[in-house]
Amino acid sequence: QVQLVESGGGLVQPGGSLRISCAVSGMSFSQYTMPWYRQTPGKEREYVASITRRDVINYADFVKGPFTISRDNAKSTGYLEMNSWEVEDTAVYYCNVYFNWGQGTQVTVSS
C-alpha cells in the first residue's frame, strides 16, 4: 500500500527557516518525480515545486527567495525548505508521487 506522510510543519516566524518532509513507502520512490503543492482555505491547491528522479528541479513562478526542494532516495523522502518564510506562505503543504497524496502538513507563518 502506497503511503505518503508529510511532517515538519508548524509555526515559523517571518524570515525564519523550516524544512518539511515527505516520507514515501509502498512504492519505488527513486523512480518518480516528487512535486509539492500548497493550499489555503478557499483557494485551489497550487503547485509549488518539483524534483525529478534525475534531480531536475522546477519552481512555480511565484516562488522567490531561498526555497529549496531536494530528495534522498535512500530514505525514500523528499524535502521542501525555505529560509525566508513570509506570511503569505501560510498553507497546508502536500507532497504527491504518482497520483498519491499525503495528508498535508500545516505551516503557519506568524510573528
C-alpha atoms as a PDB file:
ATOM      1  CA  GLN A   1       0.000   0.000   0.000  1.00  0.00           C
ATOM      2  CA  VAL A   2       1.391   3.374  -1.035  1.00  0.00           C
ATOM      3  CA  GLN A   3       1.700   5.858   1.790  1.00  0.00           C
ATOM      4  CA  LEU A   4       2.985   9.429   1.859  1.00  0.00           C
ATOM      5  CA  VAL A   5       3.496  11.098   5.221  1.00  0.00           C
ATOM      6  CA  GLU A   6       4.372  14.771   5.468  1.00  0.00           C
ATOM      7  CA  SER A   7       5.960  16.158   8.607  1.00  0.00           C
ATOM      8  CA  GLY A   8       7.891  19.110   9.924  1.00  0.00           C
ATOM      9  CA  GLY A   9       5.220  21.757   9.671  1.00  0.00           C
ATOM     10  CA  GLY A  10       4.429  24.185  12.442  1.00  0.00           C
ATOM     11  CA  LEU A  11       4.686  27.807  13.436  1.00  0.00           C
ATOM     12  CA  VAL A  12       7.545  29.811  11.996  1.00  0.00           C
ATOM     13  CA  GLN A  13       8.278  33.497  12.258  1.00  0.00           C
ATOM     14  CA  PRO A  14       8.515  35.654   9.131  1.00  0.00           C
ATOM     15  CA  GLY A  15      12.030  35.354   7.781  1.00  0.00           C
ATOM     16  CA  GLY A  16      12.565  32.124   9.674  1.00  0.00           C
ATOM     17  CA  SER A  17      13.671  28.712   8.452  1.00  0.00           C
ATOM     18  CA  LEU A  18      11.716  25.497   8.293  1.00  0.00           C
ATOM     19  CA  ARG A  19      12.090  22.230   6.430  1.00  0.00           C
ATOM     20  CA  ILE A  20       9.156  19.942   5.755  1.00  0.00           C
ATOM     21  CA  SER A  21       9.477  16.316   4.745  1.00  0.00           C
ATOM     22  CA  CYS A  22       7.544  13.687   2.856  1.00  0.00           C
ATOM     23  CA  ALA A  23       8.298  10.058   3.628  1.00  0.00           C
ATOM     24  CA  VAL A  24       7.127   7.612   0.972  1.00  0.00           C
ATOM     25  CA  SER A  25       6.531   3.884   1.384  1.00  0.00           C
ATOM     26  CA  GLY A  26       4.988   1.130  -0.689  1.00  0.00           C
ATOM     27  CA  MET A  27       6.470   2.224  -3.988  1.00  0.00           C
ATOM     28  CA  SER A  28       9.808   2.733  -5.683  1.00  0.00           C
ATOM     29  CA  PHE A  29      10.273   6.385  -4.736  1.00  0.00           C
ATOM     30  CA  SER A  30      13.506   6.832  -6.689  1.00  0.00           C
ATOM     31  CA  GLN A  31      11.693   6.251  -9.985  1.00  0.00           C
ATOM     32  CA  TYR A  32       9.238   9.127  -9.687  1.00  0.00           C
ATOM     33  CA  THR A  33       9.065  12.871  -9.766  1.00  0.00           C
ATOM     34  CA  MET A  34       8.030  14.459  -6.486  1.00  0.00           C
ATOM     35  CA  PRO A  35       6.067  17.673  -6.654  1.00  0.00           C
ATOM     36  CA  TRP A  36       4.948  19.780  -3.714  1.00  0.00           C
ATOM     37  CA  TYR A  37       1.697  21.721  -3.582  1.00  0.00           C
ATOM     38  CA  ARG A  38       0.071  24.009  -1.074  1.00  0.00           C
ATOM     39  CA  GLN A  39      -3.450  25.066  -0.269  1.00  0.00           C
ATOM     40  CA  THR A  40      -5.062  27.806   1.773  1.00  0.00           C
ATOM     41  CA  PRO A  41      -8.732  27.928   2.811  1.00  0.00           C
ATOM     42  CA  GLY A  42     -10.996  28.930  -0.033  1.00  0.00           C
ATOM     43  CA  LYS A  43      -8.329  28.519  -2.682  1.00  0.00           C
ATOM     44  CA  GLU A  44      -7.387  25.735  -5.027  1.00  0.00           C
ATOM     45  CA  ARG A  45      -4.339  23.652  -4.375  1.00  0.00           C
ATOM     46  CA  GLU A  46      -1.380  25.214  -6.189  1.00  0.00           C
ATOM     47  CA  TYR A  47       1.869  23.831  -7.469  1.00  0.00           C
ATOM     48  CA  VAL A  48       4.992  24.941  -5.606  1.00  0.00           C
ATOM     49  CA  ALA A  49       7.959  22.966  -6.906  1.00  0.00           C
ATOM     50  CA  SER A  50       9.048  19.562  -8.157  1.00  0.00           C
ATOM     51  CA  ILE A  51      12.144  17.412  -8.414  1.00  0.00           C
ATOM     52  CA  THR A  52      12.505  14.591 -10.925  1.00  0.00           C
ATOM     53  CA  ARG A  53      14.179  11.253 -10.366  1.00  0.00           C
ATOM     54  CA  ARG A  54      17.243  12.751 -12.044  1.00  0.00           C
ATOM     55  CA  ASP A  55      17.195  15.770  -9.703  1.00  0.00           C
ATOM     56  CA  VAL A  56      15.896  18.197 -12.318  1.00  0.00           C
ATOM     57  CA  ILE A  57      14.189  20.949 -10.308  1.00  0.00           C
ATOM     58  CA  ASN A  58      11.379  23.292 -11.227  1.00  0.00           C
ATOM     59  CA  TYR A  59       9.770  26.042  -9.167  1.00  0.00           C
ATOM     60  CA  ALA A  60       6.475  27.853  -9.606  1.00  0.00           C
ATOM     61  CA  ASP A  61       6.771  31.410 -10.878  1.00  0.00           C
ATOM     62  CA  PHE A  62       5.667  32.883  -7.543  1.00  0.00           C
ATOM     63  CA  VAL A  63       8.477  31.166  -5.635  1.00  0.00           C
ATOM     64  CA  LYS A  64      11.051  33.702  -4.606  1.00  0.00           C
ATOM     65  CA  GLY A  65      13.840  33.745  -2.161  1.00  0.00           C
ATOM     66  CA  PRO A  66      15.763  30.724  -0.844  1.00  0.00           C
ATOM     67  CA  PHE A  67      13.188  27.981  -1.422  1.00  0.00           C
ATOM     68  CA  THR A  68      14.871  24.598  -1.847  1.00  0.00           C
ATOM     69  CA  ILE A  69      13.450  21.250  -2.905  1.00  0.00           C
ATOM     70  CA  SER A  70      15.511  18.100  -2.521  1.00  0.00           C
ATOM     71  CA  ARG A  71      15.213  14.350  -2.157  1.00  0.00           C
ATOM     72  CA  ASP A  72      17.018  11.450  -0.512  1.00  0.00           C
ATOM     73  CA  ASN A  73      16.249   8.298  -2.467  1.00  0.00           C
ATOM     74  CA  ALA A  74      17.989   6.095   0.088  1.00  0.00           C
ATOM     75  CA  LYS A  75      15.445   7.289   2.670  1.00  0.00           C
ATOM     76  CA  SER A  76      12.523   7.494   0.214  1.00  0.00           C
ATOM     77  CA  THR A  77      11.990  11.029   1.443  1.00  0.00           C
ATOM     78  CA  GLY A  78      11.522  14.384  -0.200  1.00  0.00           C
ATOM     79  CA  TYR A  79      12.116  17.789   1.378  1.00  0.00           C
ATOM     80  CA  LEU A  80      10.983  21.366   0.935  1.00  0.00           C
ATOM     81  CA  GLU A  81      12.913  24.016   2.799  1.00  0.00           C
ATOM     82  CA  MET A  82      12.569  27.739   2.970  1.00  0.00           C
ATOM     83  CA  ASN A  83      14.931  30.073   4.719  1.00  0.00           C
ATOM     84  CA  SER A  84      12.764  33.168   4.491  1.00  0.00           C
ATOM     85  CA  TRP A  85       9.136  32.308   5.081  1.00  0.00           C
ATOM     86  CA  GLU A  86       6.569  35.041   4.521  1.00  0.00           C
ATOM     87  CA  VAL A  87       3.081  35.364   5.995  1.00  0.00           C
ATOM     88  CA  GLU A  88       1.524  34.624   2.605  1.00  0.00           C
ATOM     89  CA  ASP A  89       3.299  31.263   2.585  1.00  0.00           C
ATOM     90  CA  THR A  90       0.952  30.072   5.335  1.00  0.00           C
ATOM     91  CA  ALA A  91      -0.788  26.981   3.964  1.00  0.00           C
ATOM     92  CA  VAL A  92      -1.137  23.242   4.161  1.00  0.00           C
ATOM     93  CA  TYR A  93       1.711  21.731   2.169  1.00  0.00           C
ATOM     94  CA  TYR A  94       1.218  18.451   0.317  1.00  0.00           C
ATOM     95  CA  CYS A  95       3.536  16.078  -1.477  1.00  0.00           C
ATOM     96  CA  ASN A  96       2.469  13.927  -4.377  1.00  0.00           C
ATOM     97  CA  VAL A  97       4.041  10.900  -6.012  1.00  0.00           C
ATOM     98  CA  TYR A  98       2.405   9.204  -8.985  1.00  0.00           C
ATOM     99  CA  PHE A  99      -1.151  10.307  -8.195  1.00  0.00           C
ATOM    100  CA  ASN A 100      -0.800   9.550  -4.479  1.00  0.00           C
ATOM    101  CA  TRP A 101      -1.198  12.352  -1.931  1.00  0.00           C
ATOM    102  CA  GLY A 102      -0.059  12.750   1.626  1.00  0.00           C
ATOM    103  CA  GLN A 103      -2.281  14.136   4.355  1.00  0.00           C
ATOM    104  CA  GLY A 104      -0.547  17.500   4.316  1.00  0.00           C
ATOM    105  CA  THR A 105       1.392  19.448   6.913  1.00  0.00           C
ATOM    106  CA  GLN A 106       0.329  22.870   8.150  1.00  0.00           C
ATOM    107  CA  VAL A 107       2.863  25.690   8.001  1.00  0.00           C
ATOM    108  CA  THR A 108       1.833  28.895   9.749  1.00  0.00           C
ATOM    109  CA  VAL A 109       3.992  31.952   9.309  1.00  0.00           C
ATOM    110  CA  SER A 110       3.320  34.473  12.021  1.00  0.00           C
ATOM    111  CA  SER A 111       5.110  36.687  14.464  1.00  0.00           C
END
